[in-house]
Amino acid sequence: MDYTNDPELNGKYLGTITKDFATVSDTLKEASYQIRKREISKYPIFIFARQEVPLGGLLVNADELNLEWHVFASYAEMLVQQHVIGLDKIEDFQQTYKDADEYCCLFVLDEEFTNFVYIPYPED
């Protein structure tokens, strides 16, 4: 997997991700709140993938909502167990993790682009 942060790719992906995110942001915000409230993790992560992936639990089925991206709910500790986040990188990840009440942490998983992206929740 290539973790380079290519701004051109970001632009290409951000449009479709932002569009789908706008549709599901309330669902993600509520799931993030529940993950933190139940003390499952302080670091909820939502995986955006175009096909089923063995990471997290399916939260939004793209086919049912006519979206491009499926959304899976997970969290930092689970992604460490699944070797997505290296054990040596978890502290860095936690330090750069943005306020979960304001930002949604997405892990975008696609053939050409794999990266963590923070998107602000829409204002109420």
PDB file of N, CA and C in Angstrom:
ATOM      1  N   MET A   1       0.841  -1.202   0.000  1.00  0.00           N
ATOM      2  CA  MET A   1       0.000   0.000   0.000  1.00  0.00           C
ATOM      3  C   MET A   1       0.872   1.247   0.000  1.00  0.00           C
ATOM      4  N   ASP A   2       0.457   2.224  -0.747  1.00  0.00           N
ATOM      5  CA  ASP A   2       1.206   3.463  -0.855  1.00  0.00           C
ATOM      6  C   ASP A   2       0.526   4.534  -0.010  1.00  0.00           C
ATOM      7  N   TYR A   3       1.237   5.039   0.962  1.00  0.00           N
ATOM      8  CA  TYR A   3       0.643   6.031   1.862  1.00  0.00           C
ATOM      9  C   TYR A   3       1.068   7.453   1.520  1.00  0.00           C
ATOM     10  N   THR A   4       1.544   7.690   0.305  1.00  0.00           N
ATOM     11  CA  THR A   4       1.950   9.045  -0.041  1.00  0.00           C
ATOM     12  C   THR A   4       0.717   9.937  -0.103  1.00  0.00           C
ATOM     13  N   ASN A   5       0.908  11.172   0.214  1.00  0.00           N
ATOM     14  CA  ASN A   5      -0.205  12.111   0.266  1.00  0.00           C
ATOM     15  C   ASN A   5      -0.160  12.986  -0.986  1.00  0.00           C
ATOM     16  N   ASP A   6      -0.734  12.513  -2.057  1.00  0.00           N
ATOM     17  CA  ASP A   6      -0.719  13.206  -3.336  1.00  0.00           C
ATOM     18  C   ASP A   6      -1.933  14.131  -3.423  1.00  0.00           C
ATOM     19  N   PRO A   7      -1.716  15.468  -3.439  1.00  0.00           N
ATOM     20  CA  PRO A   7      -2.844  16.408  -3.435  1.00  0.00           C
ATOM     21  C   PRO A   7      -3.772  16.238  -4.639  1.00  0.00           C
ATOM     22  N   GLU A   8      -3.225  15.809  -5.780  1.00  0.00           N
ATOM     23  CA  GLU A   8      -4.083  15.600  -6.947  1.00  0.00           C
ATOM     24  C   GLU A   8      -5.073  14.477  -6.696  1.00  0.00           C
ATOM     25  N   LEU A   9      -4.582  13.410  -6.098  1.00  0.00           N
ATOM     26  CA  LEU A   9      -5.478  12.302  -5.754  1.00  0.00           C
ATOM     27  C   LEU A   9      -6.504  12.767  -4.729  1.00  0.00           C
ATOM     28  N   ASN A  10      -6.024  13.561  -3.763  1.00  0.00           N
ATOM     29  CA  ASN A  10      -6.954  14.074  -2.756  1.00  0.00           C
ATOM     30  C   ASN A  10      -8.121  14.783  -3.413  1.00  0.00           C
ATOM     31  N   GLY A  11      -7.819  15.641  -4.386  1.00  0.00           N
ATOM     32  CA  GLY A  11      -8.870  16.380  -5.071  1.00  0.00           C
ATOM     33  C   GLY A  11      -9.834  15.456  -5.790  1.00  0.00           C
ATOM     34  N   LYS A  12      -9.279  14.450  -6.451  1.00  0.00           N
ATOM     35  CA  LYS A  12     -10.087  13.491  -7.200  1.00  0.00           C
ATOM     36  C   LYS A  12     -11.044  12.745  -6.266  1.00  0.00           C
ATOM     37  N   TYR A  13     -10.553  12.366  -5.100  1.00  0.00           N
ATOM     38  CA  TYR A  13     -11.359  11.583  -4.171  1.00  0.00           C
ATOM     39  C   TYR A  13     -12.269  12.441  -3.306  1.00  0.00           C
ATOM     40  N   LEU A  14     -11.753  13.621  -2.947  1.00  0.00           N
ATOM     41  CA  LEU A  14     -12.483  14.439  -1.990  1.00  0.00           C
ATOM     42  C   LEU A  14     -13.904  14.753  -2.441  1.00  0.00           C
ATOM     43  N   GLY A  15     -14.092  14.966  -3.744  1.00  0.00           N
ATOM     44  CA  GLY A  15     -15.432  15.257  -4.255  1.00  0.00           C
ATOM     45  C   GLY A  15     -16.432  14.164  -3.941  1.00  0.00           C
ATOM     46  N   THR A  16     -16.110  12.926  -4.289  1.00  0.00           N
ATOM     47  CA  THR A  16     -17.061  11.836  -4.057  1.00  0.00           C
ATOM     48  C   THR A  16     -17.177  11.520  -2.575  1.00  0.00           C
ATOM     49  N   ILE A  17     -16.063  11.640  -1.854  1.00  0.00           N
ATOM     50  CA  ILE A  17     -16.105  11.373  -0.419  1.00  0.00           C
ATOM     51  C   ILE A  17     -16.965  12.424   0.276  1.00  0.00           C
ATOM     52  N   THR A  18     -16.747  13.690  -0.075  1.00  0.00           N
ATOM     53  CA  THR A  18     -17.498  14.779   0.555  1.00  0.00           C
ATOM     54  C   THR A  18     -18.993  14.641   0.283  1.00  0.00           C
ATOM     55  N   LYS A  19     -19.325  14.270  -0.945  1.00  0.00           N
ATOM     56  CA  LYS A  19     -20.733  14.102  -1.320  1.00  0.00           C
ATOM     57  C   LYS A  19     -21.383  13.004  -0.459  1.00  0.00           C
ATOM     58  N   ASP A  20     -20.731  11.849  -0.380  1.00  0.00           N
ATOM     59  CA  ASP A  20     -21.276  10.756   0.428  1.00  0.00           C
ATOM     60  C   ASP A  20     -21.264  11.116   1.914  1.00  0.00           C
ATOM     61  N   PHE A  21     -20.203  11.792   2.341  1.00  0.00           N
ATOM     62  CA  PHE A  21     -20.102  12.180   3.752  1.00  0.00           C
ATOM     63  C   PHE A  21     -21.269  13.072   4.152  1.00  0.00           C
ATOM     64  N   ALA A  22     -21.643  14.004   3.271  1.00  0.00           N
ATOM     65  CA  ALA A  22     -22.767  14.904   3.570  1.00  0.00           C
ATOM     66  C   ALA A  22     -24.038  14.101   3.823  1.00  0.00           C
ATOM     67  N   THR A  23     -24.214  13.014   3.080  1.00  0.00           N
ATOM     68  CA  THR A  23     -25.407  12.179   3.228  1.00  0.00           C
ATOM     69  C   THR A  23     -25.408  11.404   4.542  1.00  0.00           C
ATOM     70  N   VAL A  24     -24.240  10.946   4.980  1.00  0.00           N
ATOM     71  CA  VAL A  24     -24.176  10.039   6.136  1.00  0.00           C
ATOM     72  C   VAL A  24     -23.584  10.671   7.396  1.00  0.00           C
ATOM     73  N   SER A  25     -23.295  11.964   7.350  1.00  0.00           N
ATOM     74  CA  SER A  25     -22.571  12.585   8.475  1.00  0.00           C
ATOM     75  C   SER A  25     -23.314  12.463   9.806  1.00  0.00           C
ATOM     76  N   ASP A  26     -24.644  12.581   9.801  1.00  0.00           N
ATOM     77  CA  ASP A  26     -25.396  12.445  11.065  1.00  0.00           C
ATOM     78  C   ASP A  26     -25.234  11.046  11.650  1.00  0.00           C
ATOM     79  N   THR A  27     -25.285  10.050  10.784  1.00  0.00           N
ATOM     80  CA  THR A  27     -25.107   8.658  11.215  1.00  0.00           C
ATOM     81  C   THR A  27     -23.714   8.468  11.804  1.00  0.00           C
ATOM     82  N   LEU A  28     -22.708   9.027  11.137  1.00  0.00           N
ATOM     83  CA  LEU A  28     -21.328   8.868  11.608  1.00  0.00           C
ATOM     84  C   LEU A  28     -21.105   9.610  12.920  1.00  0.00           C
ATOM     85  N   LYS A  29     -21.685  10.794  13.019  1.00  0.00           N
ATOM     86  CA  LYS A  29     -21.515  11.577  14.248  1.00  0.00           C
ATOM     87  C   LYS A  29     -22.121  10.841  15.440  1.00  0.00           C
ATOM     88  N   GLU A  30     -23.296  10.248  15.242  1.00  0.00           N
ATOM     89  CA  GLU A  30     -23.958   9.491  16.305  1.00  0.00           C
ATOM     90  C   GLU A  30     -23.142   8.241  16.659  1.00  0.00           C
ATOM     91  N   ALA A  31     -22.642   7.544  15.648  1.00  0.00           N
ATOM     92  CA  ALA A  31     -21.831   6.343  15.904  1.00  0.00           C
ATOM     93  C   ALA A  31     -20.549   6.706  16.648  1.00  0.00           C
ATOM     94  N   SER A  32     -19.932   7.818  16.262  1.00  0.00           N
ATOM     95  CA  SER A  32     -18.722   8.285  16.929  1.00  0.00           C
ATOM     96  C   SER A  32     -19.013   8.571  18.403  1.00  0.00           C
ATOM     97  N   TYR A  33     -20.128   9.238  18.642  1.00  0.00           N
ATOM     98  CA  TYR A  33     -20.539   9.555  20.018  1.00  0.00           C
ATOM     99  C   TYR A  33     -20.736   8.265  20.824  1.00  0.00           C
ATOM    100  N   GLN A  34     -21.423   7.284  20.245  1.00  0.00           N
ATOM    101  CA  GLN A  34     -21.693   6.023  20.950  1.00  0.00           C
ATOM    102  C   GLN A  34     -20.401   5.254  21.258  1.00  0.00           C
ATOM    103  N   ILE A  35     -19.476   5.232  20.299  1.00  0.00           N
ATOM    104  CA  ILE A  35     -18.194   4.533  20.500  1.00  0.00           C
ATOM    105  C   ILE A  35     -17.450   5.153  21.685  1.00  0.00           C
ATOM    106  N   ARG A  36     -17.499   6.494  21.781  1.00  0.00           N
ATOM    107  CA  ARG A  36     -16.799   7.183  22.875  1.00  0.00           C
ATOM    108  C   ARG A  36     -17.573   7.078  24.190  1.00  0.00           C
ATOM    109  N   LYS A  37     -18.896   7.237  24.120  1.00  0.00           N
ATOM    110  CA  LYS A  37     -19.720   7.194  25.331  1.00  0.00           C
ATOM    111  C   LYS A  37     -19.647   5.822  26.002  1.00  0.00           C
ATOM    112  N   ARG A  38     -19.638   4.776  25.201  1.00  0.00           N
ATOM    113  CA  ARG A  38     -19.575   3.410  25.744  1.00  0.00           C
ATOM    114  C   ARG A  38     -18.150   3.011  26.105  1.00  0.00           C
ATOM    115  N   GLU A  39     -17.221   3.955  25.941  1.00  0.00           N
ATOM    116  CA  GLU A  39     -15.812   3.745  26.281  1.00  0.00           C
ATOM    117  C   GLU A  39     -15.199   2.574  25.518  1.00  0.00           C
ATOM    118  N   ILE A  40     -15.670   2.362  24.281  1.00  0.00           N
ATOM    119  CA  ILE A  40     -15.058   1.371  23.404  1.00  0.00           C
ATOM    120  C   ILE A  40     -13.702   1.934  22.968  1.00  0.00           C
ATOM    121  N   SER A  41     -13.691   3.230  22.625  1.00  0.00           N
ATOM    122  CA  SER A  41     -12.454   3.894  22.218  1.00  0.00           C
ATOM    123  C   SER A  41     -12.661   5.404  22.226  1.00  0.00           C
ATOM    124  N   LYS A  42     -11.572   6.132  22.412  1.00  0.00           N
ATOM    125  CA  LYS A  42     -11.604   7.595  22.274  1.00  0.00           C
ATOM    126  C   LYS A  42     -11.326   7.997  20.832  1.00  0.00           C
ATOM    127  N   TYR A  43     -11.042   6.995  19.972  1.00  0.00           N
ATOM    128  CA  TYR A  43     -10.585   7.284  18.614  1.00  0.00           C
ATOM    129  C   TYR A  43     -11.417   6.545  17.555  1.00  0.00           C
ATOM    130  N   PRO A  44     -12.693   6.957  17.385  1.00  0.00           N
ATOM    131  CA  PRO A  44     -13.498   6.331  16.336  1.00  0.00           C
ATOM    132  C   PRO A  44     -12.925   6.641  14.957  1.00  0.00           C
ATOM    133  N   ILE A  45     -12.985   5.646  14.075  1.00  0.00           N
ATOM    134  CA  ILE A  45     -12.505   5.795  12.704  1.00  0.00           C
ATOM    135  C   ILE A  45     -13.541   5.164  11.779  1.00  0.00           C
ATOM    136  N   PHE A  46     -13.866   5.859  10.710  1.00  0.00           N
ATOM    137  CA  PHE A  46     -14.830   5.335   9.755  1.00  0.00           C
ATOM    138  C   PHE A  46     -14.128   5.041   8.440  1.00  0.00           C
ATOM    139  N   ILE A  47     -14.228   3.805   8.016  1.00  0.00           N
ATOM    140  CA  ILE A  47     -13.543   3.358   6.818  1.00  0.00           C
ATOM    141  C   ILE A  47     -14.451   3.562   5.619  1.00  0.00           C
ATOM    142  N   PHE A  48     -13.970   4.314   4.638  1.00  0.00           N
ATOM    143  CA  PHE A  48     -14.691   4.538   3.382  1.00  0.00           C
ATOM    144  C   PHE A  48     -14.049   3.617   2.345  1.00  0.00           C
ATOM    145  N   ALA A  49     -14.814   2.688   1.798  1.00  0.00           N
ATOM    146  CA  ALA A  49     -14.284   1.758   0.790  1.00  0.00           C
ATOM    147  C   ALA A  49     -15.362   1.506  -0.255  1.00  0.00           C
ATOM    148  N   ARG A  50     -14.936   1.269  -1.470  1.00  0.00           N
ATOM    149  CA  ARG A  50     -15.894   1.030  -2.555  1.00  0.00           C
ATOM    150  C   ARG A  50     -16.402  -0.405  -2.566  1.00  0.00           C
ATOM    151  N   GLN A  51     -15.711  -1.290  -1.869  1.00  0.00           N
ATOM    152  CA  GLN A  51     -16.179  -2.670  -1.774  1.00  0.00           C
ATOM    153  C   GLN A  51     -16.079  -3.115  -0.322  1.00  0.00           C
ATOM    154  N   GLU A  52     -16.650  -4.276  -0.028  1.00  0.00           N
ATOM    155  CA  GLU A  52     -16.610  -4.783   1.340  1.00  0.00           C
ATOM    156  C   GLU A  52     -15.162  -5.014   1.748  1.00  0.00           C
ATOM    157  N   VAL A  53     -14.828  -4.627   2.963  1.00  0.00           N
ATOM    158  CA  VAL A  53     -13.479  -4.851   3.496  1.00  0.00           C
ATOM    159  C   VAL A  53     -13.609  -5.501   4.875  1.00  0.00           C
ATOM    160  N   PRO A  54     -12.616  -6.292   5.269  1.00  0.00           N
ATOM    161  CA  PRO A  54     -12.701  -6.979   6.558  1.00  0.00           C
ATOM    162  C   PRO A  54     -12.233  -6.101   7.715  1.00  0.00           C
ATOM    163  N   LEU A  55     -12.615  -4.833   7.693  1.00  0.00           N
ATOM    164  CA  LEU A  55     -12.218  -3.901   8.748  1.00  0.00           C
ATOM    165  C   LEU A  55     -13.474  -3.264   9.334  1.00  0.00           C
ATOM    166  N   GLY A  56     -13.646  -3.391  10.632  1.00  0.00           N
ATOM    167  CA  GLY A  56     -14.789  -2.754  11.273  1.00  0.00           C
ATOM    168  C   GLY A  56     -16.102  -3.414  10.894  1.00  0.00           C
ATOM    169  N   GLY A  57     -17.189  -2.767  11.317  1.00  0.00           N
ATOM    170  CA  GLY A  57     -18.524  -3.270  11.029  1.00  0.00           C
ATOM    171  C   GLY A  57     -19.201  -2.386  10.000  1.00  0.00           C
ATOM    172  N   LEU A  58     -19.936  -2.991   9.080  1.00  0.00           N
ATOM    173  CA  LEU A  58     -20.633  -2.216   8.051  1.00  0.00           C
ATOM    174  C   LEU A  58     -21.667  -1.312   8.712  1.00  0.00           C
ATOM    175  N   LEU A  59     -21.521  -0.017   8.496  1.00  0.00           N
ATOM    176  CA  LEU A  59     -22.431   0.972   9.079  1.00  0.00           C
ATOM    177  C   LEU A  59     -23.378   1.509   8.015  1.00  0.00           C
ATOM    178  N   VAL A  60     -22.850   1.761   6.827  1.00  0.00           N
ATOM    179  CA  VAL A  60     -23.648   2.299   5.724  1.00  0.00           C
ATOM    180  C   VAL A  60     -23.372   1.458   4.481  1.00  0.00           C
ATOM    181  N   ASN A  61     -24.424   0.861   3.940  1.00  0.00           N
ATOM    182  CA  ASN A  61     -24.291   0.102   2.701  1.00  0.00           C
ATOM    183  C   ASN A  61     -24.544   1.057   1.542  1.00  0.00           C
ATOM    184  N   ALA A  62     -23.510   1.298   0.743  1.00  0.00           N
ATOM    185  CA  ALA A  62     -23.585   2.255  -0.359  1.00  0.00           C
ATOM    186  C   ALA A  62     -24.720   1.919  -1.322  1.00  0.00           C
ATOM    187  N   ASP A  63     -24.922   0.624  -1.582  1.00  0.00           N
ATOM    188  CA  ASP A  63     -25.940   0.205  -2.548  1.00  0.00           C
ATOM    189  C   ASP A  63     -27.344   0.628  -2.115  1.00  0.00           C
ATOM    190  N   GLU A  64     -27.596   0.550  -0.810  1.00  0.00           N
ATOM    191  CA  GLU A  64     -28.933   0.891  -0.302  1.00  0.00           C
ATOM    192  C   GLU A  64     -29.219   2.378  -0.393  1.00  0.00           C
ATOM    193  N   LEU A  65     -28.184   3.208  -0.292  1.00  0.00           N
ATOM    194  CA  LEU A  65     -28.383   4.665  -0.295  1.00  0.00           C
ATOM    195  C   LEU A  65     -27.930   5.315  -1.599  1.00  0.00           C
ATOM    196  N   ASN A  66     -27.578   4.473  -2.580  1.00  0.00           N
ATOM    197  CA  ASN A  66     -27.116   4.980  -3.869  1.00  0.00           C
ATOM    198  C   ASN A  66     -25.884   5.884  -3.705  1.00  0.00           C
ATOM    199  N   LEU A  67     -24.924   5.417  -2.926  1.00  0.00           N
ATOM    200  CA  LEU A  67     -23.677   6.144  -2.682  1.00  0.00           C
ATOM    201  C   LEU A  67     -22.537   5.413  -3.375  1.00  0.00           C
ATOM    202  N   GLU A  68     -21.384   6.074  -3.444  1.00  0.00           N
ATOM    203  CA  GLU A  68     -20.205   5.435  -4.042  1.00  0.00           C
ATOM    204  C   GLU A  68     -19.396   4.648  -3.018  1.00  0.00           C
ATOM    205  N   TRP A  69     -19.503   5.038  -1.752  1.00  0.00           N
ATOM    206  CA  TRP A  69     -18.645   4.468  -0.714  1.00  0.00           C
ATOM    207  C   TRP A  69     -19.457   3.748   0.355  1.00  0.00           C
ATOM    208  N   HIS A  70     -19.027   2.523   0.694  1.00  0.00           N
ATOM    209  CA  HIS A  70     -19.526   1.839   1.883  1.00  0.00           C
ATOM    210  C   HIS A  70     -18.806   2.469   3.074  1.00  0.00           C
ATOM    211  N   VAL A  71     -19.449   2.461   4.227  1.00  0.00           N
ATOM    212  CA  VAL A  71     -18.803   3.002   5.425  1.00  0.00           C
ATOM    213  C   VAL A  71     -18.808   1.930   6.515  1.00  0.00           C
ATOM    214  N   PHE A  72     -17.627   1.692   7.067  1.00  0.00           N
ATOM    215  CA  PHE A  72     -17.461   0.716   8.133  1.00  0.00           C
ATOM    216  C   PHE A  72     -17.014   1.461   9.396  1.00  0.00           C
ATOM    217  N   ALA A  73     -17.577   1.093  10.531  1.00  0.00           N
ATOM    218  CA  ALA A  73     -17.206   1.726  11.797  1.00  0.00           C
ATOM    219  C   ALA A  73     -16.091   0.924  12.459  1.00  0.00           C
ATOM    220  N   SER A  74     -15.068   1.629  12.915  1.00  0.00           N
ATOM    221  CA  SER A  74     -13.976   0.980  13.625  1.00  0.00           C
ATOM    222  C   SER A  74     -13.384   1.990  14.606  1.00  0.00           C
ATOM    223  N   TYR A  75     -12.216   1.682  15.125  1.00  0.00           N
ATOM    224  CA  TYR A  75     -11.533   2.584  16.054  1.00  0.00           C
ATOM    225  C   TYR A  75     -10.052   2.228  16.073  1.00  0.00           C
ATOM    226  N   ALA A  76      -9.258   3.159  16.586  1.00  0.00           N
ATOM    227  CA  ALA A  76      -7.801   3.055  16.481  1.00  0.00           C
ATOM    228  C   ALA A  76      -7.259   1.732  17.004  1.00  0.00           C
ATOM    229  N   GLU A  77      -7.695   1.322  18.180  1.00  0.00           N
ATOM    230  CA  GLU A  77      -7.133   0.109  18.781  1.00  0.00           C
ATOM    231  C   GLU A  77      -7.403  -1.124  17.909  1.00  0.00           C
ATOM    232  N   MET A  78      -8.594  -1.169  17.288  1.00  0.00           N
ATOM    233  CA  MET A  78      -8.925  -2.290  16.409  1.00  0.00           C
ATOM    234  C   MET A  78      -8.031  -2.285  15.164  1.00  0.00           C
ATOM    235  N   LEU A  79      -7.763  -1.082  14.629  1.00  0.00           N
ATOM    236  CA  LEU A  79      -6.914  -0.993  13.439  1.00  0.00           C
ATOM    237  C   LEU A  79      -5.452  -1.330  13.755  1.00  0.00           C
ATOM    238  N   VAL A  80      -5.058  -1.163  15.016  1.00  0.00           N
ATOM    239  CA  VAL A  80      -3.718  -1.602  15.430  1.00  0.00           C
ATOM    240  C   VAL A  80      -3.696  -3.137  15.430  1.00  0.00           C
ATOM    241  N   GLN A  81      -4.740  -3.749  15.999  1.00  0.00           N
ATOM    242  CA  GLN A  81      -4.816  -5.222  16.022  1.00  0.00           C
ATOM    243  C   GLN A  81      -4.823  -5.796  14.609  1.00  0.00           C
ATOM    244  N   GLN A  82      -5.414  -5.050  13.670  1.00  0.00           N
ATOM    245  CA  GLN A  82      -5.509  -5.533  12.284  1.00  0.00           C
ATOM    246  C   GLN A  82      -4.316  -5.074  11.432  1.00  0.00           C
ATOM    247  N   HIS A  83      -3.308  -4.498  12.098  1.00  0.00           N
ATOM    248  CA  HIS A  83      -2.050  -4.091  11.450  1.00  0.00           C
ATOM    249  C   HIS A  83      -2.238  -3.009  10.380  1.00  0.00           C
ATOM    250  N   VAL A  84      -3.273  -2.193  10.528  1.00  0.00           N
ATOM    251  CA  VAL A  84      -3.447  -1.041   9.640  1.00  0.00           C
ATOM    252  C   VAL A  84      -2.620   0.119  10.188  1.00  0.00           C
ATOM    253  N   ILE A  85      -2.672   0.294  11.502  1.00  0.00           N
ATOM    254  CA  ILE A  85      -1.848   1.286  12.191  1.00  0.00           C
ATOM    255  C   ILE A  85      -0.761   0.499  12.921  1.00  0.00           C
ATOM    256  N   GLY A  86       0.499   0.835  12.641  1.00  0.00           N
ATOM    257  CA  GLY A  86       1.598   0.135  13.296  1.00  0.00           C
ATOM    258  C   GLY A  86       1.620   0.413  14.787  1.00  0.00           C
ATOM    259  N   LEU A  87       1.995  -0.582  15.567  1.00  0.00           N
ATOM    260  CA  LEU A  87       2.082  -0.433  17.018  1.00  0.00           C
ATOM    261  C   LEU A  87       2.996   0.737  17.386  1.00  0.00           C
ATOM    262  N   ASP A  88       4.047   0.941  16.574  1.00  0.00           N
ATOM    263  CA  ASP A  88       4.989   2.027  16.821  1.00  0.00           C
ATOM    264  C   ASP A  88       4.428   3.384  16.403  1.00  0.00           C
ATOM    265  N   LYS A  89       3.277   3.401  15.713  1.00  0.00           N
ATOM    266  CA  LYS A  89       2.698   4.661  15.229  1.00  0.00           C
ATOM    267  C   LYS A  89       1.463   5.099  16.002  1.00  0.00           C
ATOM    268  N   ILE A  90       0.980   4.260  16.923  1.00  0.00           N
ATOM    269  CA  ILE A  90      -0.298   4.565  17.590  1.00  0.00           C
ATOM    270  C   ILE A  90      -0.222   5.856  18.412  1.00  0.00           C
ATOM    271  N   GLU A  91       0.909   6.095  19.077  1.00  0.00           N
ATOM    272  CA  GLU A  91       1.013   7.335  19.876  1.00  0.00           C
ATOM    273  C   GLU A  91       0.969   8.560  18.981  1.00  0.00           C
ATOM    274  N   ASP A  92       1.678   8.513  17.849  1.00  0.00           N
ATOM    275  CA  ASP A  92       1.632   9.634  16.897  1.00  0.00           C
ATOM    276  C   ASP A  92       0.201   9.838  16.406  1.00  0.00           C
ATOM    277  N   PHE A  93      -0.462   8.730  16.097  1.00  0.00           N
ATOM    278  CA  PHE A  93      -1.827   8.800  15.601  1.00  0.00           C
ATOM    279  C   PHE A  93      -2.732   9.478  16.647  1.00  0.00           C
ATOM    280  N   GLN A  94      -2.614   9.052  17.898  1.00  0.00           N
ATOM    281  CA  GLN A  94      -3.453   9.602  18.963  1.00  0.00           C
ATOM    282  C   GLN A  94      -3.175  11.082  19.183  1.00  0.00           C
ATOM    283  N   GLN A  95      -1.913  11.492  19.032  1.00  0.00           N
ATOM    284  CA  GLN A  95      -1.576  12.901  19.242  1.00  0.00           C
ATOM    285  C   GLN A  95      -2.107  13.789  18.122  1.00  0.00           C
ATOM    286  N   THR A  96      -2.214  13.249  16.914  1.00  0.00           N
ATOM    287  CA  THR A  96      -2.689  14.068  15.795  1.00  0.00           C
ATOM    288  C   THR A  96      -4.196  13.918  15.566  1.00  0.00           C
ATOM    289  N   TYR A  97      -4.838  13.023  16.314  1.00  0.00           N
ATOM    290  CA  TYR A  97      -6.275  12.785  16.164  1.00  0.00           C
ATOM    291  C   TYR A  97      -7.038  14.068  16.525  1.00  0.00           C
ATOM    292  N   LYS A  98      -7.942  14.475  15.655  1.00  0.00           N
ATOM    293  CA  LYS A  98      -8.670  15.733  15.890  1.00  0.00           C
ATOM    294  C   LYS A  98      -9.914  15.511  16.753  1.00  0.00           C
ATOM    295  N   ASP A  99     -10.413  16.581  17.332  1.00  0.00           N
ATOM    296  CA  ASP A  99     -11.589  16.552  18.212  1.00  0.00           C
ATOM    297  C   ASP A  99     -12.750  15.808  17.542  1.00  0.00           C
ATOM    298  N   ALA A 100     -13.131  14.681  18.137  1.00  0.00           N
ATOM    299  CA  ALA A 100     -14.142  13.801  17.526  1.00  0.00           C
ATOM    300  C   ALA A 100     -15.549  14.398  17.544  1.00  0.00           C
ATOM    301  N   ASP A 101     -15.759  15.460  18.312  1.00  0.00           N
ATOM    302  CA  ASP A 101     -17.071  16.124  18.269  1.00  0.00           C
ATOM    303  C   ASP A 101     -17.180  17.029  17.045  1.00  0.00           C
ATOM    304  N   GLU A 102     -16.033  17.464  16.543  1.00  0.00           N
ATOM    305  CA  GLU A 102     -16.025  18.396  15.411  1.00  0.00           C
ATOM    306  C   GLU A 102     -15.599  17.759  14.100  1.00  0.00           C
ATOM    307  N   TYR A 103     -14.719  16.764  14.179  1.00  0.00           N
ATOM    308  CA  TYR A 103     -14.161  16.155  12.966  1.00  0.00           C
ATOM    309  C   TYR A 103     -14.428  14.660  12.933  1.00  0.00           C
ATOM    310  N   CYS A 104     -14.629  14.169  11.726  1.00  0.00           N
ATOM    311  CA  CYS A 104     -14.786  12.741  11.512  1.00  0.00           C
ATOM    312  C   CYS A 104     -13.476  12.214  10.941  1.00  0.00           C
ATOM    313  N   CYS A 105     -12.937  11.175  11.565  1.00  0.00           N
ATOM    314  CA  CYS A 105     -11.722  10.555  11.068  1.00  0.00           C
ATOM    315  C   CYS A 105     -12.112   9.448  10.093  1.00  0.00           C
ATOM    316  N   LEU A 106     -11.743   9.640   8.832  1.00  0.00           N
ATOM    317  CA  LEU A 106     -12.029   8.640   7.811  1.00  0.00           C
ATOM    318  C   LEU A 106     -10.734   7.932   7.433  1.00  0.00           C
ATOM    319  N   PHE A 107     -10.845   6.649   7.192  1.00  0.00           N
ATOM    320  CA  PHE A 107      -9.737   5.903   6.599  1.00  0.00           C
ATOM    321  C   PHE A 107     -10.234   5.508   5.215  1.00  0.00           C
ATOM    322  N   VAL A 108      -9.722   6.203   4.208  1.00  0.00           N
ATOM    323  CA  VAL A 108     -10.161   5.978   2.835  1.00  0.00           C
ATOM    324  C   VAL A 108      -9.308   4.860   2.248  1.00  0.00           C
ATOM    325  N   LEU A 109      -9.991   3.843   1.777  1.00  0.00           N
ATOM    326  CA  LEU A 109      -9.320   2.645   1.296  1.00  0.00           C
ATOM    327  C   LEU A 109      -9.746   2.401  -0.139  1.00  0.00           C
ATOM    328  N   ASP A 110      -8.835   2.669  -1.073  1.00  0.00           N
ATOM    329  CA  ASP A 110      -9.150   2.438  -2.467  1.00  0.00           C
ATOM    330  C   ASP A 110      -7.885   1.966  -3.172  1.00  0.00           C
ATOM    331  N   GLU A 111      -8.011   1.514  -4.404  1.00  0.00           N
ATOM    332  CA  GLU A 111      -6.856   0.955  -5.101  1.00  0.00           C
ATOM    333  C   GLU A 111      -5.714   1.960  -5.232  1.00  0.00           C
ATOM    334  N   GLU A 112      -6.035   3.212  -5.544  1.00  0.00           N
ATOM    335  CA  GLU A 112      -4.990   4.195  -5.794  1.00  0.00           C
ATOM    336  C   GLU A 112      -4.680   5.090  -4.604  1.00  0.00           C
ATOM    337  N   PHE A 113      -5.541   5.070  -3.606  1.00  0.00           N
ATOM    338  CA  PHE A 113      -5.407   6.041  -2.523  1.00  0.00           C
ATOM    339  C   PHE A 113      -5.791   5.381  -1.212  1.00  0.00           C
ATOM    340  N   THR A 114      -4.878   5.393  -0.252  1.00  0.00           N
ATOM    341  CA  THR A 114      -5.156   4.858   1.074  1.00  0.00           C
ATOM    342  C   THR A 114      -4.618   5.862   2.073  1.00  0.00           C
ATOM    343  N   ASN A 115      -5.510   6.477   2.831  1.00  0.00           N
ATOM    344  CA  ASN A 115      -5.031   7.488   3.769  1.00  0.00           C
ATOM    345  C   ASN A 115      -6.093   7.823   4.808  1.00  0.00           C
ATOM    346  N   PHE A 116      -5.631   8.399   5.917  1.00  0.00           N
ATOM    347  CA  PHE A 116      -6.541   8.957   6.913  1.00  0.00           C
ATOM    348  C   PHE A 116      -6.862  10.385   6.500  1.00  0.00           C
ATOM    349  N   VAL A 117      -8.132  10.748   6.601  1.00  0.00           N
ATOM    350  CA  VAL A 117      -8.590  12.087   6.239  1.00  0.00           C
ATOM    351  C   VAL A 117      -9.532  12.552   7.344  1.00  0.00           C
ATOM    352  N   TYR A 118      -9.383  13.806   7.754  1.00  0.00           N
ATOM    353  CA  TYR A 118     -10.317  14.376   8.746  1.00  0.00           C
ATOM    354  C   TYR A 118     -11.250  15.329   8.018  1.00  0.00           C
ATOM    355  N   ILE A 119     -12.550  15.142   8.202  1.00  0.00           N
ATOM    356  CA  ILE A 119     -13.531  16.018   7.575  1.00  0.00           C
ATOM    357  C   ILE A 119     -14.386  16.617   8.684  1.00  0.00           C
ATOM    358  N   PRO A 120     -14.562  17.934   8.691  1.00  0.00           N
ATOM    359  CA  PRO A 120     -15.398  18.536   9.733  1.00  0.00           C
ATOM    360  C   PRO A 120     -16.875  18.155   9.524  1.00  0.00           C
ATOM    361  N   TYR A 121     -17.547  17.899  10.643  1.00  0.00           N
ATOM    362  CA  TYR A 121     -18.984  17.652  10.552  1.00  0.00           C
ATOM    363  C   TYR A 121     -19.675  18.949  10.135  1.00  0.00           C
ATOM    364  N   PRO A 122     -20.770  18.855   9.379  1.00  0.00           N
ATOM    365  CA  PRO A 122     -21.493  20.080   9.010  1.00  0.00           C
ATOM    366  C   PRO A 122     -22.027  20.763  10.266  1.00  0.00           C
ATOM    367  N   GLU A 123     -22.075  22.093  10.221  1.00  0.00           N
ATOM    368  CA  GLU A 123     -22.654  22.840  11.345  1.00  0.00           C
ATOM    369  C   GLU A 123     -24.152  22.536  11.399  1.00  0.00           C
ATOM    370  N   ASP A 124     -24.686  22.447  12.605  1.00  0.00           N
ATOM    371  CA  ASP A 124     -26.129  22.170  12.759  1.00  0.00           C
ATOM    372  C   ASP A 124     -26.969  23.308  12.235  1.00  0.00           C
TER     373      ASP A 124
END
